[in-house]
Structure formats: C-alpha cells, structure tokens
Amino acid sequence: MATIKIKQIKSRIGAPKDQKDTLRALGLHKISQVVEVEDTPSSRGMIRKVHHLVSVID
C-alpha cells in the first residue's frame, strides 16, 4: 500500500489533549521528526485533525 511521509513542524505544547494523542498515534514525538505511515482514510483524518502542527512531505 502507498505511504505518506509526515513531519512535525510545530510543538504540541498548548495543544488540546486529543491533538496530542493524535500526534502520538501517528508516531510523532519531537519537532522535525519524520515518520512514514500508510495512506489510509483513517491516517488522512488524523493528519487533517493536526494539519496546523504537521506537514506532508512529497
């Protein structure tokens, strides 16, 4: 299956608990960390929820 690379660009400090949990579920723990996740509707939804904290790398 296809994958997406996601990079955390902003801090999770000050974000609501559900957004912090979403970042953790995506596998992101630090700023500038890049993870590769499968391109599924659920992962797309998680990315949309924290779109202001992450960027998608081509």
PDB file of N, CA and C in Angstrom:
ATOM      1  N   MET A   1       0.837  -1.180   0.000  1.00  0.00           N
ATOM      2  CA  MET A   1       0.000   0.000   0.000  1.00  0.00           C
ATOM      3  C   MET A   1       0.887   1.250   0.000  1.00  0.00           C
ATOM      4  N   ALA A   2       0.358   2.343  -0.496  1.00  0.00           N
ATOM      5  CA  ALA A   2       1.102   3.598  -0.563  1.00  0.00           C
ATOM      6  C   ALA A   2       1.340   4.157   0.835  1.00  0.00           C
ATOM      7  N   THR A   3       2.384   4.961   0.952  1.00  0.00           N
ATOM      8  CA  THR A   3       2.710   5.568   2.246  1.00  0.00           C
ATOM      9  C   THR A   3       2.806   7.082   2.102  1.00  0.00           C
ATOM     10  N   ILE A   4       2.712   7.755   3.240  1.00  0.00           N
ATOM     11  CA  ILE A   4       2.825   9.207   3.318  1.00  0.00           C
ATOM     12  C   ILE A   4       3.914   9.529   4.330  1.00  0.00           C
ATOM     13  N   LYS A   5       4.758  10.506   4.024  1.00  0.00           N
ATOM     14  CA  LYS A   5       5.749  10.985   4.984  1.00  0.00           C
ATOM     15  C   LYS A   5       5.190  12.237   5.640  1.00  0.00           C
ATOM     16  N   ILE A   6       5.232  12.257   6.977  1.00  0.00           N
ATOM     17  CA  ILE A   6       4.713  13.372   7.757  1.00  0.00           C
ATOM     18  C   ILE A   6       5.830  13.910   8.628  1.00  0.00           C
ATOM     19  N   LYS A   7       5.931  15.239   8.693  1.00  0.00           N
ATOM     20  CA  LYS A   7       6.950  15.889   9.520  1.00  0.00           C
ATOM     21  C   LYS A   7       6.254  16.811  10.512  1.00  0.00           C
ATOM     22  N   GLN A   8       6.628  16.698  11.786  1.00  0.00           N
ATOM     23  CA  GLN A   8       6.079  17.599  12.797  1.00  0.00           C
ATOM     24  C   GLN A   8       6.829  18.916  12.707  1.00  0.00           C
ATOM     25  N   ILE A   9       6.087  20.028  12.509  1.00  0.00           N
ATOM     26  CA  ILE A   9       6.727  21.323  12.317  1.00  0.00           C
ATOM     27  C   ILE A   9       6.509  22.274  13.479  1.00  0.00           C
ATOM     28  N   LYS A  10       5.551  21.984  14.341  1.00  0.00           N
ATOM     29  CA  LYS A  10       5.290  22.843  15.494  1.00  0.00           C
ATOM     30  C   LYS A  10       5.176  21.992  16.750  1.00  0.00           C
ATOM     31  N   SER A  11       5.348  22.652  17.892  1.00  0.00           N
ATOM     32  CA  SER A  11       5.300  21.981  19.177  1.00  0.00           C
ATOM     33  C   SER A  11       3.881  21.598  19.553  1.00  0.00           C
ATOM     34  N   ARG A  12       3.758  20.511  20.297  1.00  0.00           N
ATOM     35  CA  ARG A  12       2.448  20.098  20.777  1.00  0.00           C
ATOM     36  C   ARG A  12       2.074  20.788  22.089  1.00  0.00           C
ATOM     37  N   ILE A  13       2.977  21.589  22.651  1.00  0.00           N
ATOM     38  CA  ILE A  13       2.700  22.301  23.893  1.00  0.00           C
ATOM     39  C   ILE A  13       1.556  23.275  23.652  1.00  0.00           C
ATOM     40  N   GLY A  14       0.578  23.241  24.490  1.00  0.00           N
ATOM     41  CA  GLY A  14      -0.567  24.131  24.362  1.00  0.00           C
ATOM     42  C   GLY A  14      -1.684  23.560  23.513  1.00  0.00           C
ATOM     43  N   ALA A  15      -1.447  22.435  22.851  1.00  0.00           N
ATOM     44  CA  ALA A  15      -2.486  21.806  22.043  1.00  0.00           C
ATOM     45  C   ALA A  15      -3.422  21.014  22.949  1.00  0.00           C
ATOM     46  N   PRO A  16      -4.687  20.857  22.547  1.00  0.00           N
ATOM     47  CA  PRO A  16      -5.617  20.038  23.340  1.00  0.00           C
ATOM     48  C   PRO A  16      -5.143  18.586  23.434  1.00  0.00           C
ATOM     49  N   LYS A  17      -5.627  17.889  24.444  1.00  0.00           N
ATOM     50  CA  LYS A  17      -5.198  16.512  24.698  1.00  0.00           C
ATOM     51  C   LYS A  17      -5.484  15.600  23.511  1.00  0.00           C
ATOM     52  N   ASP A  18      -6.621  15.784  22.852  1.00  0.00           N
ATOM     53  CA  ASP A  18      -6.942  14.903  21.731  1.00  0.00           C
ATOM     54  C   ASP A  18      -5.963  15.088  20.574  1.00  0.00           C
ATOM     55  N   GLN A  19      -5.461  16.306  20.369  1.00  0.00           N
ATOM     56  CA  GLN A  19      -4.467  16.530  19.320  1.00  0.00           C
ATOM     57  C   GLN A  19      -3.117  15.950  19.708  1.00  0.00           C
ATOM     58  N   LYS A  20      -2.766  16.024  20.983  1.00  0.00           N
ATOM     59  CA  LYS A  20      -1.530  15.402  21.454  1.00  0.00           C
ATOM     60  C   LYS A  20      -1.592  13.896  21.254  1.00  0.00           C
ATOM     61  N   ASP A  21      -2.744  13.307  21.561  1.00  0.00           N
ATOM     62  CA  ASP A  21      -2.923  11.870  21.378  1.00  0.00           C
ATOM     63  C   ASP A  21      -2.854  11.486  19.902  1.00  0.00           C
ATOM     64  N   THR A  22      -3.368  12.352  19.030  1.00  0.00           N
ATOM     65  CA  THR A  22      -3.325  12.088  17.598  1.00  0.00           C
ATOM     66  C   THR A  22      -1.884  12.095  17.098  1.00  0.00           C
ATOM     67  N   LEU A  23      -1.077  13.055  17.547  1.00  0.00           N
ATOM     68  CA  LEU A  23       0.334  13.076  17.160  1.00  0.00           C
ATOM     69  C   LEU A  23       1.047  11.815  17.631  1.00  0.00           C
ATOM     70  N   ARG A  24       0.750  11.393  18.841  1.00  0.00           N
ATOM     71  CA  ARG A  24       1.364  10.174  19.379  1.00  0.00           C
ATOM     72  C   ARG A  24       0.937   8.961  18.557  1.00  0.00           C
ATOM     73  N   ALA A  25      -0.333   8.912  18.139  1.00  0.00           N
ATOM     74  CA  ALA A  25      -0.830   7.791  17.341  1.00  0.00           C
ATOM     75  C   ALA A  25      -0.174   7.757  15.958  1.00  0.00           C
ATOM     76  N   LEU A  26       0.180   8.926  15.445  1.00  0.00           N
ATOM     77  CA  LEU A  26       0.883   8.977  14.164  1.00  0.00           C
ATOM     78  C   LEU A  26       2.358   8.608  14.311  1.00  0.00           C
ATOM     79  N   GLY A  27       2.860   8.568  15.543  1.00  0.00           N
ATOM     80  CA  GLY A  27       4.247   8.205  15.786  1.00  0.00           C
ATOM     81  C   GLY A  27       5.179   9.392  15.907  1.00  0.00           C
ATOM     82  N   LEU A  28       4.615  10.592  16.080  1.00  0.00           N
ATOM     83  CA  LEU A  28       5.428  11.800  16.179  1.00  0.00           C
ATOM     84  C   LEU A  28       5.634  12.176  17.643  1.00  0.00           C
ATOM     85  N   HIS A  29       6.898  12.431  18.012  1.00  0.00           N
ATOM     86  CA  HIS A  29       7.228  12.769  19.391  1.00  0.00           C
ATOM     87  C   HIS A  29       8.017  14.068  19.511  1.00  0.00           C
ATOM     88  N   LYS A  30       8.758  14.443  18.452  1.00  0.00           N
ATOM     89  CA  LYS A  30       9.626  15.617  18.510  1.00  0.00           C
ATOM     90  C   LYS A  30       9.404  16.487  17.282  1.00  0.00           C
ATOM     91  N   ILE A  31       9.740  17.761  17.401  1.00  0.00           N
ATOM     92  CA  ILE A  31       9.713  18.659  16.256  1.00  0.00           C
ATOM     93  C   ILE A  31      10.790  18.216  15.260  1.00  0.00           C
ATOM     94  N   SER A  32      10.495  18.303  13.988  1.00  0.00           N
ATOM     95  CA  SER A  32      11.358  17.917  12.865  1.00  0.00           C
ATOM     96  C   SER A  32      11.482  16.409  12.698  1.00  0.00           C
ATOM     97  N   GLN A  33      10.733  15.639  13.450  1.00  0.00           N
ATOM     98  CA  GLN A  33      10.737  14.198  13.281  1.00  0.00           C
ATOM     99  C   GLN A  33       9.880  13.841  12.073  1.00  0.00           C
ATOM    100  N   VAL A  34      10.348  12.906  11.260  1.00  0.00           N
ATOM    101  CA  VAL A  34       9.628  12.472  10.072  1.00  0.00           C
ATOM    102  C   VAL A  34       9.253  11.007  10.254  1.00  0.00           C
ATOM    103  N   VAL A  35       7.979  10.683  10.002  1.00  0.00           N
ATOM    104  CA  VAL A  35       7.526   9.305  10.054  1.00  0.00           C
ATOM    105  C   VAL A  35       6.822   8.980   8.741  1.00  0.00           C
ATOM    106  N   GLU A  36       6.759   7.703   8.439  1.00  0.00           N
ATOM    107  CA  GLU A  36       6.102   7.233   7.231  1.00  0.00           C
ATOM    108  C   GLU A  36       4.934   6.350   7.658  1.00  0.00           C
ATOM    109  N   VAL A  37       3.722   6.725   7.266  1.00  0.00           N
ATOM    110  CA  VAL A  37       2.524   5.972   7.620  1.00  0.00           C
ATOM    111  C   VAL A  37       1.808   5.550   6.346  1.00  0.00           C
ATOM    112  N   GLU A  38       0.976   4.515   6.457  1.00  0.00           N
ATOM    113  CA  GLU A  38       0.208   4.062   5.310  1.00  0.00           C
ATOM    114  C   GLU A  38      -0.847   5.086   4.939  1.00  0.00           C
ATOM    115  N   ASP A  39      -1.107   5.190   3.654  1.00  0.00           N
ATOM    116  CA  ASP A  39      -2.092   6.145   3.147  1.00  0.00           C
ATOM    117  C   ASP A  39      -3.478   5.509   3.218  1.00  0.00           C
ATOM    118  N   THR A  40      -4.119   5.656   4.379  1.00  0.00           N
ATOM    119  CA  THR A  40      -5.471   5.137   4.583  1.00  0.00           C
ATOM    120  C   THR A  40      -6.390   6.292   4.953  1.00  0.00           C
ATOM    121  N   PRO A  41      -7.686   6.111   4.831  1.00  0.00           N
ATOM    122  CA  PRO A  41      -8.606   7.182   5.233  1.00  0.00           C
ATOM    123  C   PRO A  41      -8.464   7.581   6.694  1.00  0.00           C
ATOM    124  N   SER A  42      -8.162   6.631   7.566  1.00  0.00           N
ATOM    125  CA  SER A  42      -8.016   6.972   8.988  1.00  0.00           C
ATOM    126  C   SER A  42      -6.768   7.810   9.237  1.00  0.00           C
ATOM    127  N   SER A  43      -5.671   7.480   8.577  1.00  0.00           N
ATOM    128  CA  SER A  43      -4.465   8.297   8.758  1.00  0.00           C
ATOM    129  C   SER A  43      -4.645   9.672   8.122  1.00  0.00           C
ATOM    130  N   ARG A  44      -5.356   9.755   7.007  1.00  0.00           N
ATOM    131  CA  ARG A  44      -5.656  11.059   6.399  1.00  0.00           C
ATOM    132  C   ARG A  44      -6.493  11.916   7.354  1.00  0.00           C
ATOM    133  N   GLY A  45      -7.433  11.300   8.055  1.00  0.00           N
ATOM    134  CA  GLY A  45      -8.248  12.026   9.023  1.00  0.00           C
ATOM    135  C   GLY A  45      -7.430  12.530  10.188  1.00  0.00           C
ATOM    136  N   MET A  46      -6.478  11.710  10.652  1.00  0.00           N
ATOM    137  CA  MET A  46      -5.614  12.148  11.747  1.00  0.00           C
ATOM    138  C   MET A  46      -4.736  13.320  11.308  1.00  0.00           C
ATOM    139  N   ILE A  47      -4.228  13.257  10.079  1.00  0.00           N
ATOM    140  CA  ILE A  47      -3.406  14.352   9.560  1.00  0.00           C
ATOM    141  C   ILE A  47      -4.245  15.620   9.456  1.00  0.00           C
ATOM    142  N   ARG A  48      -5.487  15.483   9.004  1.00  0.00           N
ATOM    143  CA  ARG A  48      -6.362  16.652   8.881  1.00  0.00           C
ATOM    144  C   ARG A  48      -6.641  17.282  10.240  1.00  0.00           C
ATOM    145  N   LYS A  49      -6.707  16.452  11.275  1.00  0.00           N
ATOM    146  CA  LYS A  49      -7.002  16.959  12.616  1.00  0.00           C
ATOM    147  C   LYS A  49      -5.863  17.813  13.166  1.00  0.00           C
ATOM    148  N   VAL A  50      -4.630  17.472  12.820  1.00  0.00           N
ATOM    149  CA  VAL A  50      -3.469  18.211  13.336  1.00  0.00           C
ATOM    150  C   VAL A  50      -2.700  18.885  12.195  1.00  0.00           C
ATOM    151  N   HIS A  51      -3.401  19.306  11.152  1.00  0.00           N
ATOM    152  CA  HIS A  51      -2.754  19.869   9.969  1.00  0.00           C
ATOM    153  C   HIS A  51      -1.929  21.111  10.278  1.00  0.00           C
ATOM    154  N   HIS A  52      -2.239  21.800  11.355  1.00  0.00           N
ATOM    155  CA  HIS A  52      -1.508  23.015  11.728  1.00  0.00           C
ATOM    156  C   HIS A  52      -0.202  22.690  12.464  1.00  0.00           C
ATOM    157  N   LEU A  53      -0.001  21.435  12.863  1.00  0.00           N
ATOM    158  CA  LEU A  53       1.200  21.025  13.576  1.00  0.00           C
ATOM    159  C   LEU A  53       2.149  20.189  12.714  1.00  0.00           C
ATOM    160  N   VAL A  54       1.657  19.694  11.580  1.00  0.00           N
ATOM    161  CA  VAL A  54       2.464  18.796  10.729  1.00  0.00           C
ATOM    162  C   VAL A  54       2.456  19.291   9.296  1.00  0.00           C
ATOM    163  N   SER A  55       3.366  18.741   8.506  1.00  0.00           N
ATOM    164  CA  SER A  55       3.357  18.950   7.064  1.00  0.00           C
ATOM    165  C   SER A  55       3.576  17.610   6.383  1.00  0.00           C
ATOM    166  N   VAL A  56       2.988  17.467   5.214  1.00  0.00           N
ATOM    167  CA  VAL A  56       3.141  16.241   4.428  1.00  0.00           C
ATOM    168  C   VAL A  56       4.269  16.464   3.438  1.00  0.00           C
ATOM    169  N   ILE A  57       5.230  15.546   3.443  1.00  0.00           N
ATOM    170  CA  ILE A  57       6.392  15.640   2.568  1.00  0.00           C
ATOM    171  C   ILE A  57       6.153  14.759   1.358  1.00  0.00           C
ATOM    172  N   ASP A  58       6.437  15.294   0.188  1.00  0.00           N
ATOM    173  CA  ASP A  58       6.255  14.504  -1.047  1.00  0.00           C
ATOM    174  C   ASP A  58       7.372  13.527  -1.240  1.00  0.00           C
TER     175      ASP A  58
END
